[in-house]
């Protein structure tokens, strides 16, 4: 993952990090950063994520991959948190998620990115959350550079999935939606072009899907018949990172009108089983 001040999916140049920090850009009413700990009857850490209010109350998976990754990491560490439906405006870094720990102090420092990982590891030393190896880094970069751009196009740019984009990120006001939709699509397009190193000529959708499918193939080969990556006894950071995309693509949580990316993922049955296995382990009950 990127540094704690930039909660992206991989270490990247400053232009990409700045895009990650500002994306998505849905405009919601400003929310005050919580300054004090929860009441004594609510002493759980609070994880601020993109989620519908009712889903957050039930602790369901966030519909945002970055939020879902860290939500999953905390589940792997067996750390109970209270989810709070939020927006980028509430985050000190300008991006979600961030974690607020219970404290009697008047000021609480929010945890973002790798600081969440360190907190999880401290709370659960036996969990499979050690610092990534160069090998894991390479596969995390594969997800970031190959899977994420295809995800961005599917959700933010592909007009066939506009109803889903509207339901997840656009304001309820019909007057505000066109401008916000344009802002989101422009930001997504820019990030896709930067990640794919195409500065001119627009997005090559077929190439995006081909590259994503190749990434799925590489990840499927790495997983093989094992339950978790690298034959570990339990899921780790790479498992959480991939699950954050695969669950949202094929787990039935989101209603995709154009399922091309999900269809390509489904050809790798072990990755689908991996997503189902992780969901059943941490969310089924």
C-alpha atoms as a PDB file:
ATOM      1  CA  UNK A   1       0.000   0.000   0.000  1.00  0.00           C
ATOM      2  CA  UNK A   2       0.935   3.607  -0.320  1.00  0.00           C
ATOM      3  CA  UNK A   3       2.080   5.713   2.601  1.00  0.00           C
ATOM      4  CA  UNK A   4      -0.314   6.512   5.402  1.00  0.00           C
ATOM      5  CA  UNK A   5      -0.921   9.980   4.049  1.00  0.00           C
ATOM      6  CA  UNK A   6      -2.026   8.539   0.731  1.00  0.00           C
ATOM      7  CA  UNK A   7      -4.389   5.598   1.117  1.00  0.00           C
ATOM      8  CA  UNK A   8      -4.096   4.139  -2.342  1.00  0.00           C
ATOM      9  CA  UNK A   9      -3.534   0.598  -3.493  1.00  0.00           C
ATOM     10  CA  UNK A  10       0.125   0.878  -4.419  1.00  0.00           C
ATOM     11  CA  UNK A  11       3.165   3.075  -4.190  1.00  0.00           C
ATOM     12  CA  UNK A  12       2.836   5.468  -7.066  1.00  0.00           C
ATOM     13  CA  UNK A  13       4.114   8.796  -8.379  1.00  0.00           C
ATOM     14  CA  UNK A  14       2.714  11.946  -6.865  1.00  0.00           C
ATOM     15  CA  UNK A  15       0.202  12.627  -9.682  1.00  0.00           C
ATOM     16  CA  UNK A  16      -1.417   9.234  -9.153  1.00  0.00           C
ATOM     17  CA  UNK A  17      -1.401   9.597  -5.381  1.00  0.00           C
ATOM     18  CA  UNK A  18      -3.093  12.971  -5.667  1.00  0.00           C
ATOM     19  CA  UNK A  19      -5.791  11.417  -7.823  1.00  0.00           C
ATOM     20  CA  UNK A  20      -6.314   8.626  -5.304  1.00  0.00           C
ATOM     21  CA  UNK A  21      -6.621  11.179  -2.517  1.00  0.00           C
ATOM     22  CA  UNK A  22      -9.341  13.091  -4.334  1.00  0.00           C
ATOM     23  CA  UNK A  23     -11.225  10.142  -5.777  1.00  0.00           C
ATOM     24  CA  UNK A  24     -14.146   9.586  -5.658  1.00  0.00           C
ATOM     25  CA  UNK A  25     -15.310  13.190  -5.519  1.00  0.00           C
ATOM     26  CA  UNK A  26     -18.955  12.830  -4.586  1.00  0.00           C
ATOM     27  CA  UNK A  27     -20.274  16.040  -3.047  1.00  0.00           C
ATOM     28  CA  UNK A  28     -22.096  15.541   0.228  1.00  0.00           C
ATOM     29  CA  UNK A  29     -22.843  17.888   3.121  1.00  0.00           C
ATOM     30  CA  UNK A  30     -19.760  18.573   5.196  1.00  0.00           C
ATOM     31  CA  UNK A  31     -19.273  16.343   8.189  1.00  0.00           C
ATOM     32  CA  UNK A  32     -17.432  17.324  11.319  1.00  0.00           C
ATOM     33  CA  UNK A  33     -14.385  15.271  12.207  1.00  0.00           C
ATOM     34  CA  UNK A  34     -15.168  13.567  15.516  1.00  0.00           C
ATOM     35  CA  UNK A  35     -13.075  15.182  18.220  1.00  0.00           C
ATOM     36  CA  UNK A  36     -13.994  13.037  21.178  1.00  0.00           C
ATOM     37  CA  UNK A  37     -14.281   9.371  21.875  1.00  0.00           C
ATOM     38  CA  UNK A  38     -17.633   7.604  21.670  1.00  0.00           C
ATOM     39  CA  UNK A  39     -19.693   7.389  24.826  1.00  0.00           C
ATOM     40  CA  UNK A  40     -18.697   4.778  27.353  1.00  0.00           C
ATOM     41  CA  UNK A  41     -21.416   2.433  26.035  1.00  0.00           C
ATOM     42  CA  UNK A  42     -19.936   2.689  22.542  1.00  0.00           C
ATOM     43  CA  UNK A  43     -16.214   2.202  22.976  1.00  0.00           C
ATOM     44  CA  UNK A  44     -15.553   0.548  19.626  1.00  0.00           C
ATOM     45  CA  UNK A  45     -13.190   2.108  17.100  1.00  0.00           C
ATOM     46  CA  UNK A  46     -15.065   3.834  14.290  1.00  0.00           C
ATOM     47  CA  UNK A  47     -14.214   3.160  10.667  1.00  0.00           C
ATOM     48  CA  UNK A  48     -15.441   5.877   8.305  1.00  0.00           C
ATOM     49  CA  UNK A  49     -16.231   4.421   4.888  1.00  0.00           C
ATOM     50  CA  UNK A  50     -18.322   4.821   1.779  1.00  0.00           C
ATOM     51  CA  UNK A  51     -21.520   2.947   2.622  1.00  0.00           C
ATOM     52  CA  UNK A  52     -25.245   3.462   2.792  1.00  0.00           C
ATOM     53  CA  UNK A  53     -26.378   4.306   6.315  1.00  0.00           C
ATOM     54  CA  UNK A  54     -28.393   1.119   6.750  1.00  0.00           C
ATOM     55  CA  UNK A  55     -25.518  -1.049   5.500  1.00  0.00           C
ATOM     56  CA  UNK A  56     -23.058   0.675   7.820  1.00  0.00           C
ATOM     57  CA  UNK A  57     -25.312   0.000  10.803  1.00  0.00           C
ATOM     58  CA  UNK A  58     -25.296  -3.689   9.883  1.00  0.00           C
ATOM     59  CA  UNK A  59     -21.533  -3.755   9.323  1.00  0.00           C
ATOM     60  CA  UNK A  60     -21.893  -4.886   5.711  1.00  0.00           C
ATOM     61  CA  UNK A  61     -19.018  -4.622   3.223  1.00  0.00           C
ATOM     62  CA  UNK A  62     -18.367  -1.140   1.856  1.00  0.00           C
ATOM     63  CA  UNK A  63     -19.059  -0.664  -1.847  1.00  0.00           C
ATOM     64  CA  UNK A  64     -15.721   1.111  -2.287  1.00  0.00           C
ATOM     65  CA  UNK A  65     -12.700  -1.165  -2.897  1.00  0.00           C
ATOM     66  CA  UNK A  66     -10.230   0.873  -0.855  1.00  0.00           C
ATOM     67  CA  UNK A  67     -12.618   1.034   2.094  1.00  0.00           C
ATOM     68  CA  UNK A  68     -13.462  -2.647   1.760  1.00  0.00           C
ATOM     69  CA  UNK A  69      -9.792  -3.630   1.774  1.00  0.00           C
ATOM     70  CA  UNK A  70      -9.157  -2.005   5.146  1.00  0.00           C
ATOM     71  CA  UNK A  71     -12.508  -3.139   6.510  1.00  0.00           C
ATOM     72  CA  UNK A  72     -11.450  -6.685   5.622  1.00  0.00           C
ATOM     73  CA  UNK A  73      -8.011  -6.273   7.204  1.00  0.00           C
ATOM     74  CA  UNK A  74      -9.667  -5.282  10.480  1.00  0.00           C
ATOM     75  CA  UNK A  75     -11.956  -8.315  10.238  1.00  0.00           C
ATOM     76  CA  UNK A  76      -8.955 -10.569   9.644  1.00  0.00           C
ATOM     77  CA  UNK A  77      -7.431  -9.123  12.819  1.00  0.00           C
ATOM     78  CA  UNK A  78     -10.715  -9.813  14.652  1.00  0.00           C
ATOM     79  CA  UNK A  79     -11.069  -6.143  15.564  1.00  0.00           C
ATOM     80  CA  UNK A  80     -14.663  -5.056  16.069  1.00  0.00           C
ATOM     81  CA  UNK A  81     -15.395  -1.609  14.685  1.00  0.00           C
ATOM     82  CA  UNK A  82     -18.460   0.524  14.235  1.00  0.00           C
ATOM     83  CA  UNK A  83     -18.877   1.523  10.602  1.00  0.00           C
ATOM     84  CA  UNK A  84     -19.831   5.109   9.880  1.00  0.00           C
ATOM     85  CA  UNK A  85     -21.198   6.144   6.490  1.00  0.00           C
ATOM     86  CA  UNK A  86     -19.085   9.097   5.455  1.00  0.00           C
ATOM     87  CA  UNK A  87     -17.533  11.096   2.629  1.00  0.00           C
ATOM     88  CA  UNK A  88     -14.150  12.490   1.684  1.00  0.00           C
ATOM     89  CA  UNK A  89     -15.074  15.790   3.345  1.00  0.00           C
ATOM     90  CA  UNK A  90     -14.898  14.165   6.777  1.00  0.00           C
ATOM     91  CA  UNK A  91     -11.418  12.770   6.243  1.00  0.00           C
ATOM     92  CA  UNK A  92      -8.315  14.674   7.347  1.00  0.00           C
ATOM     93  CA  UNK A  93      -6.488  13.272   4.308  1.00  0.00           C
ATOM     94  CA  UNK A  94      -9.343  13.981   1.904  1.00  0.00           C
ATOM     95  CA  UNK A  95      -9.983  10.279   1.311  1.00  0.00           C
ATOM     96  CA  UNK A  96     -11.702   7.352   2.958  1.00  0.00           C
ATOM     97  CA  UNK A  97     -11.392   5.214   4.943  1.00  0.00           C
ATOM     98  CA  UNK A  98     -10.026   6.457   8.226  1.00  0.00           C
ATOM     99  CA  UNK A  99     -10.184   4.896  11.674  1.00  0.00           C
ATOM    100  CA  UNK A 100     -10.904   6.732  14.913  1.00  0.00           C
ATOM    101  CA  UNK A 101      -9.840   4.948  18.087  1.00  0.00           C
ATOM    102  CA  UNK A 102     -11.722   5.365  21.364  1.00  0.00           C
ATOM    103  CA  UNK A 103      -9.931   7.785  23.661  1.00  0.00           C
ATOM    104  CA  UNK A 104     -10.629  10.093  26.558  1.00  0.00           C
ATOM    105  CA  UNK A 105      -8.395  12.719  24.997  1.00  0.00           C
ATOM    106  CA  UNK A 106      -9.954  15.802  23.483  1.00  0.00           C
ATOM    107  CA  UNK A 107      -8.144  15.142  20.209  1.00  0.00           C
ATOM    108  CA  UNK A 108      -7.915  11.790  18.479  1.00  0.00           C
ATOM    109  CA  UNK A 109      -5.503  11.199  15.610  1.00  0.00           C
ATOM    110  CA  UNK A 110      -7.229   9.382  12.736  1.00  0.00           C
ATOM    111  CA  UNK A 111      -5.515   6.326  11.277  1.00  0.00           C
ATOM    112  CA  UNK A 112      -5.345   5.943   7.514  1.00  0.00           C
ATOM    113  CA  UNK A 113      -3.702   3.544   5.087  1.00  0.00           C
ATOM    114  CA  UNK A 114      -0.715   1.682   6.474  1.00  0.00           C
ATOM    115  CA  UNK A 115      -1.388   3.036   9.970  1.00  0.00           C
ATOM    116  CA  UNK A 116      -4.554   0.930   9.964  1.00  0.00           C
ATOM    117  CA  UNK A 117      -2.455  -2.092   8.977  1.00  0.00           C
ATOM    118  CA  UNK A 118       0.020  -1.442  11.796  1.00  0.00           C
ATOM    119  CA  UNK A 119      -2.796  -1.049  14.307  1.00  0.00           C
ATOM    120  CA  UNK A 120      -4.353  -4.321  13.136  1.00  0.00           C
ATOM    121  CA  UNK A 121      -1.030  -6.124  13.419  1.00  0.00           C
ATOM    122  CA  UNK A 122      -0.427  -4.767  16.921  1.00  0.00           C
ATOM    123  CA  UNK A 123      -3.844  -5.947  18.040  1.00  0.00           C
ATOM    124  CA  UNK A 124      -3.510  -9.357  16.386  1.00  0.00           C
ATOM    125  CA  UNK A 125       0.172 -10.396  16.225  1.00  0.00           C
ATOM    126  CA  UNK A 126      -0.763 -13.929  15.174  1.00  0.00           C
ATOM    127  CA  UNK A 127      -2.802 -12.794  12.162  1.00  0.00           C
ATOM    128  CA  UNK A 128      -1.314 -13.102   8.686  1.00  0.00           C
ATOM    129  CA  UNK A 129      -0.696  -9.362   8.425  1.00  0.00           C
ATOM    130  CA  UNK A 130       3.077  -9.129   8.296  1.00  0.00           C
ATOM    131  CA  UNK A 131       4.707  -6.484   6.154  1.00  0.00           C
ATOM    132  CA  UNK A 132       4.357  -7.396   2.471  1.00  0.00           C
ATOM    133  CA  UNK A 133       7.236  -9.210   0.813  1.00  0.00           C
ATOM    134  CA  UNK A 134       8.579  -8.095  -2.583  1.00  0.00           C
ATOM    135  CA  UNK A 135       6.558 -10.934  -4.103  1.00  0.00           C
ATOM    136  CA  UNK A 136       3.328  -9.730  -2.524  1.00  0.00           C
ATOM    137  CA  UNK A 137       4.180  -6.163  -3.513  1.00  0.00           C
ATOM    138  CA  UNK A 138       4.399  -7.281  -7.134  1.00  0.00           C
ATOM    139  CA  UNK A 139       0.936  -8.841  -7.054  1.00  0.00           C
ATOM    140  CA  UNK A 140      -0.527  -5.856  -5.228  1.00  0.00           C
ATOM    141  CA  UNK A 141       0.882  -3.673  -7.991  1.00  0.00           C
ATOM    142  CA  UNK A 142      -0.743  -6.009 -10.505  1.00  0.00           C
ATOM    143  CA  UNK A 143      -4.119  -5.382  -8.887  1.00  0.00           C
ATOM    144  CA  UNK A 144      -3.508  -1.642  -8.795  1.00  0.00           C
ATOM    145  CA  UNK A 145      -2.222  -1.220 -12.340  1.00  0.00           C
ATOM    146  CA  UNK A 146      -4.303  -3.849 -14.139  1.00  0.00           C
ATOM    147  CA  UNK A 147      -7.505  -4.575 -12.221  1.00  0.00           C
ATOM    148  CA  UNK A 148      -8.241  -1.134 -10.796  1.00  0.00           C
ATOM    149  CA  UNK A 149      -8.272   0.738 -14.149  1.00  0.00           C
ATOM    150  CA  UNK A 150     -10.785  -1.756 -15.547  1.00  0.00           C
ATOM    151  CA  UNK A 151     -12.870  -1.343 -12.384  1.00  0.00           C
ATOM    152  CA  UNK A 152     -12.797   2.437 -12.716  1.00  0.00           C
ATOM    153  CA  UNK A 153     -13.949   2.257 -16.316  1.00  0.00           C
ATOM    154  CA  UNK A 154     -16.708  -0.234 -15.520  1.00  0.00           C
ATOM    155  CA  UNK A 155     -18.202   1.853 -12.726  1.00  0.00           C
ATOM    156  CA  UNK A 156     -17.385   5.475 -13.512  1.00  0.00           C
ATOM    157  CA  UNK A 157     -17.015   5.706 -17.279  1.00  0.00           C
ATOM    158  CA  UNK A 158     -19.156   2.970 -18.836  1.00  0.00           C
ATOM    159  CA  UNK A 159     -22.590   4.569 -19.434  1.00  0.00           C
ATOM    160  CA  UNK A 160     -24.266   1.172 -19.135  1.00  0.00           C
ATOM    161  CA  UNK A 161     -23.486   1.214 -15.403  1.00  0.00           C
ATOM    162  CA  UNK A 162     -24.638   4.779 -14.809  1.00  0.00           C
ATOM    163  CA  UNK A 163     -27.553   3.644 -12.645  1.00  0.00           C
ATOM    164  CA  UNK A 164     -25.111   1.930 -10.297  1.00  0.00           C
ATOM    165  CA  UNK A 165     -22.807   4.956 -10.215  1.00  0.00           C
ATOM    166  CA  UNK A 166     -25.803   7.150  -9.435  1.00  0.00           C
ATOM    167  CA  UNK A 167     -26.945   4.919  -6.593  1.00  0.00           C
ATOM    168  CA  UNK A 168     -23.495   4.789  -5.001  1.00  0.00           C
ATOM    169  CA  UNK A 169     -21.929   8.205  -5.443  1.00  0.00           C
ATOM    170  CA  UNK A 170     -24.173  10.836  -7.009  1.00  0.00           C
ATOM    171  CA  UNK A 171     -26.249  13.313  -4.993  1.00  0.00           C
ATOM    172  CA  UNK A 172     -30.002  12.918  -4.730  1.00  0.00           C
ATOM    173  CA  UNK A 173     -30.574  16.317  -6.352  1.00  0.00           C
ATOM    174  CA  UNK A 174     -31.177  15.953 -10.089  1.00  0.00           C
ATOM    175  CA  UNK A 175     -29.773  19.456 -10.562  1.00  0.00           C
ATOM    176  CA  UNK A 176     -26.408  18.501  -9.079  1.00  0.00           C
ATOM    177  CA  UNK A 177     -26.014  15.121 -10.719  1.00  0.00           C
ATOM    178  CA  UNK A 178     -24.820  16.131 -14.223  1.00  0.00           C
ATOM    179  CA  UNK A 179     -21.906  18.212 -12.959  1.00  0.00           C
ATOM    180  CA  UNK A 180     -20.932  15.623 -10.374  1.00  0.00           C
ATOM    181  CA  UNK A 181     -21.168  12.804 -12.896  1.00  0.00           C
ATOM    182  CA  UNK A 182     -18.880  14.753 -15.219  1.00  0.00           C
ATOM    183  CA  UNK A 183     -16.401  15.372 -12.392  1.00  0.00           C
ATOM    184  CA  UNK A 184     -16.273  11.710 -11.437  1.00  0.00           C
ATOM    185  CA  UNK A 185     -15.903  10.494 -15.006  1.00  0.00           C
ATOM    186  CA  UNK A 186     -13.199  13.017 -15.757  1.00  0.00           C
ATOM    187  CA  UNK A 187     -11.231  12.002 -12.652  1.00  0.00           C
ATOM    188  CA  UNK A 188     -11.650   8.309 -13.459  1.00  0.00           C
ATOM    189  CA  UNK A 189     -10.629   8.797 -17.080  1.00  0.00           C
ATOM    190  CA  UNK A 190      -7.540  10.724 -16.054  1.00  0.00           C
ATOM    191  CA  UNK A 191      -6.497   8.050 -13.571  1.00  0.00           C
ATOM    192  CA  UNK A 192      -7.052   5.301 -16.134  1.00  0.00           C
ATOM    193  CA  UNK A 193      -4.950   7.076 -18.745  1.00  0.00           C
ATOM    194  CA  UNK A 194      -2.157   7.731 -16.252  1.00  0.00           C
ATOM    195  CA  UNK A 195      -2.171   4.126 -15.027  1.00  0.00           C
ATOM    196  CA  UNK A 196      -2.182   2.765 -18.576  1.00  0.00           C
ATOM    197  CA  UNK A 197       0.396   5.341 -19.684  1.00  0.00           C
ATOM    198  CA  UNK A 198      -1.843   6.590 -22.473  1.00  0.00           C
ATOM    199  CA  UNK A 199      -1.767  10.358 -22.706  1.00  0.00           C
ATOM    200  CA  UNK A 200      -3.577  10.625 -26.036  1.00  0.00           C
ATOM    201  CA  UNK A 201      -6.102   8.640 -28.002  1.00  0.00           C
ATOM    202  CA  UNK A 202      -8.580   7.988 -25.205  1.00  0.00           C
ATOM    203  CA  UNK A 203      -9.316   4.761 -23.355  1.00  0.00           C
ATOM    204  CA  UNK A 204      -8.883   1.449 -25.128  1.00  0.00           C
ATOM    205  CA  UNK A 205     -11.621  -0.557 -23.419  1.00  0.00           C
ATOM    206  CA  UNK A 206     -10.681  -3.867 -25.034  1.00  0.00           C
ATOM    207  CA  UNK A 207      -7.111  -3.420 -23.858  1.00  0.00           C
ATOM    208  CA  UNK A 208      -8.246  -2.558 -20.324  1.00  0.00           C
ATOM    209  CA  UNK A 209     -10.289  -5.738 -20.136  1.00  0.00           C
ATOM    210  CA  UNK A 210      -7.531  -7.843 -21.670  1.00  0.00           C
ATOM    211  CA  UNK A 211      -4.976  -6.580 -19.164  1.00  0.00           C
ATOM    212  CA  UNK A 212      -7.374  -7.128 -16.255  1.00  0.00           C
ATOM    213  CA  UNK A 213      -8.033 -10.673 -17.434  1.00  0.00           C
ATOM    214  CA  UNK A 214      -4.298 -11.347 -17.614  1.00  0.00           C
ATOM    215  CA  UNK A 215      -3.969 -10.069 -14.051  1.00  0.00           C
ATOM    216  CA  UNK A 216      -6.755 -12.393 -12.910  1.00  0.00           C
ATOM    217  CA  UNK A 217      -4.962 -15.271 -14.636  1.00  0.00           C
ATOM    218  CA  UNK A 218      -1.706 -14.492 -12.818  1.00  0.00           C
ATOM    219  CA  UNK A 219      -3.472 -14.229  -9.465  1.00  0.00           C
ATOM    220  CA  UNK A 220      -5.374 -17.451 -10.110  1.00  0.00           C
ATOM    221  CA  UNK A 221      -2.101 -19.227 -10.881  1.00  0.00           C
ATOM    222  CA  UNK A 222      -0.570 -17.886  -7.663  1.00  0.00           C
ATOM    223  CA  UNK A 223      -3.536 -19.024  -5.580  1.00  0.00           C
ATOM    224  CA  UNK A 224      -3.837 -22.434  -7.204  1.00  0.00           C
ATOM    225  CA  UNK A 225      -5.889 -24.835  -5.102  1.00  0.00           C
ATOM    226  CA  UNK A 226      -4.923 -23.185  -1.818  1.00  0.00           C
ATOM    227  CA  UNK A 227      -7.493 -21.406   0.326  1.00  0.00           C
ATOM    228  CA  UNK A 228      -5.332 -18.317   0.797  1.00  0.00           C
ATOM    229  CA  UNK A 229      -2.439 -16.779  -1.103  1.00  0.00           C
ATOM    230  CA  UNK A 230       1.033 -18.237  -0.654  1.00  0.00           C
ATOM    231  CA  UNK A 231      -0.439 -21.224   1.176  1.00  0.00           C
ATOM    232  CA  UNK A 232      -0.946 -19.282   4.389  1.00  0.00           C
ATOM    233  CA  UNK A 233      -3.108 -20.680   7.170  1.00  0.00           C
ATOM    234  CA  UNK A 234      -5.309 -17.597   7.069  1.00  0.00           C
ATOM    235  CA  UNK A 235      -6.019 -14.640   4.791  1.00  0.00           C
ATOM    236  CA  UNK A 236      -3.583 -11.739   4.633  1.00  0.00           C
ATOM    237  CA  UNK A 237      -3.131  -8.380   2.974  1.00  0.00           C
ATOM    238  CA  UNK A 238      -3.096  -9.710  -0.584  1.00  0.00           C
ATOM    239  CA  UNK A 239      -6.258 -11.717   0.076  1.00  0.00           C
ATOM    240  CA  UNK A 240      -7.965  -8.591   1.412  1.00  0.00           C
ATOM    241  CA  UNK A 241      -6.795  -6.471  -1.501  1.00  0.00           C
ATOM    242  CA  UNK A 242      -8.102  -8.831  -4.161  1.00  0.00           C
ATOM    243  CA  UNK A 243     -11.340  -9.523  -2.266  1.00  0.00           C
ATOM    244  CA  UNK A 244     -12.073  -5.796  -2.268  1.00  0.00           C
ATOM    245  CA  UNK A 245     -12.566  -6.027  -6.038  1.00  0.00           C
ATOM    246  CA  UNK A 246     -13.693  -9.600  -6.620  1.00  0.00           C
ATOM    247  CA  UNK A 247     -16.489  -9.499  -4.045  1.00  0.00           C
ATOM    248  CA  UNK A 248     -17.875  -6.286  -5.509  1.00  0.00           C
ATOM    249  CA  UNK A 249     -17.705  -7.726  -9.020  1.00  0.00           C
ATOM    250  CA  UNK A 250     -19.211 -11.181  -8.461  1.00  0.00           C
ATOM    251  CA  UNK A 251     -20.464 -11.308  -4.874  1.00  0.00           C
ATOM    252  CA  UNK A 252     -23.956 -10.075  -5.703  1.00  0.00           C
ATOM    253  CA  UNK A 253     -23.726  -6.914  -3.608  1.00  0.00           C
ATOM    254  CA  UNK A 254     -23.771  -4.534  -6.593  1.00  0.00           C
ATOM    255  CA  UNK A 255     -26.134  -4.599  -9.566  1.00  0.00           C
ATOM    256  CA  UNK A 256     -24.059  -4.333 -12.727  1.00  0.00           C
ATOM    257  CA  UNK A 257     -25.853  -3.680 -16.025  1.00  0.00           C
ATOM    258  CA  UNK A 258     -22.660  -4.387 -17.963  1.00  0.00           C
ATOM    259  CA  UNK A 259     -20.980  -7.373 -16.322  1.00  0.00           C
ATOM    260  CA  UNK A 260     -18.117  -7.818 -18.768  1.00  0.00           C
ATOM    261  CA  UNK A 261     -15.385  -7.411 -16.156  1.00  0.00           C
ATOM    262  CA  UNK A 262     -17.184  -9.707 -13.733  1.00  0.00           C
ATOM    263  CA  UNK A 263     -17.732 -12.256 -16.489  1.00  0.00           C
ATOM    264  CA  UNK A 264     -14.020 -12.388 -17.183  1.00  0.00           C
ATOM    265  CA  UNK A 265     -13.335 -12.846 -13.483  1.00  0.00           C
ATOM    266  CA  UNK A 266     -15.810 -15.735 -13.279  1.00  0.00           C
ATOM    267  CA  UNK A 267     -13.720 -17.777 -15.712  1.00  0.00           C
ATOM    268  CA  UNK A 268     -11.202 -18.159 -12.861  1.00  0.00           C
ATOM    269  CA  UNK A 269     -13.232 -20.319 -10.536  1.00  0.00           C
ATOM    270  CA  UNK A 270     -10.640 -20.435  -7.775  1.00  0.00           C
ATOM    271  CA  UNK A 271     -10.728 -16.630  -7.486  1.00  0.00           C
ATOM    272  CA  UNK A 272     -14.519 -16.708  -7.220  1.00  0.00           C
ATOM    273  CA  UNK A 273     -14.288 -19.411  -4.547  1.00  0.00           C
ATOM    274  CA  UNK A 274     -11.668 -17.300  -2.771  1.00  0.00           C
ATOM    275  CA  UNK A 275     -14.038 -14.325  -2.671  1.00  0.00           C
ATOM    276  CA  UNK A 276     -16.916 -16.501  -1.457  1.00  0.00           C
ATOM    277  CA  UNK A 277     -14.706 -18.132   1.178  1.00  0.00           C
ATOM    278  CA  UNK A 278     -13.534 -14.826   2.598  1.00  0.00           C
ATOM    279  CA  UNK A 279     -17.060 -13.404   2.649  1.00  0.00           C
ATOM    280  CA  UNK A 280     -18.446 -16.476   4.392  1.00  0.00           C
ATOM    281  CA  UNK A 281     -15.656 -16.390   6.950  1.00  0.00           C
ATOM    282  CA  UNK A 282     -16.102 -12.756   7.983  1.00  0.00           C
ATOM    283  CA  UNK A 283     -19.587 -11.628   6.937  1.00  0.00           C
ATOM    284  CA  UNK A 284     -21.904 -14.599   6.471  1.00  0.00           C
ATOM    285  CA  UNK A 285     -23.147 -14.506  10.063  1.00  0.00           C
END
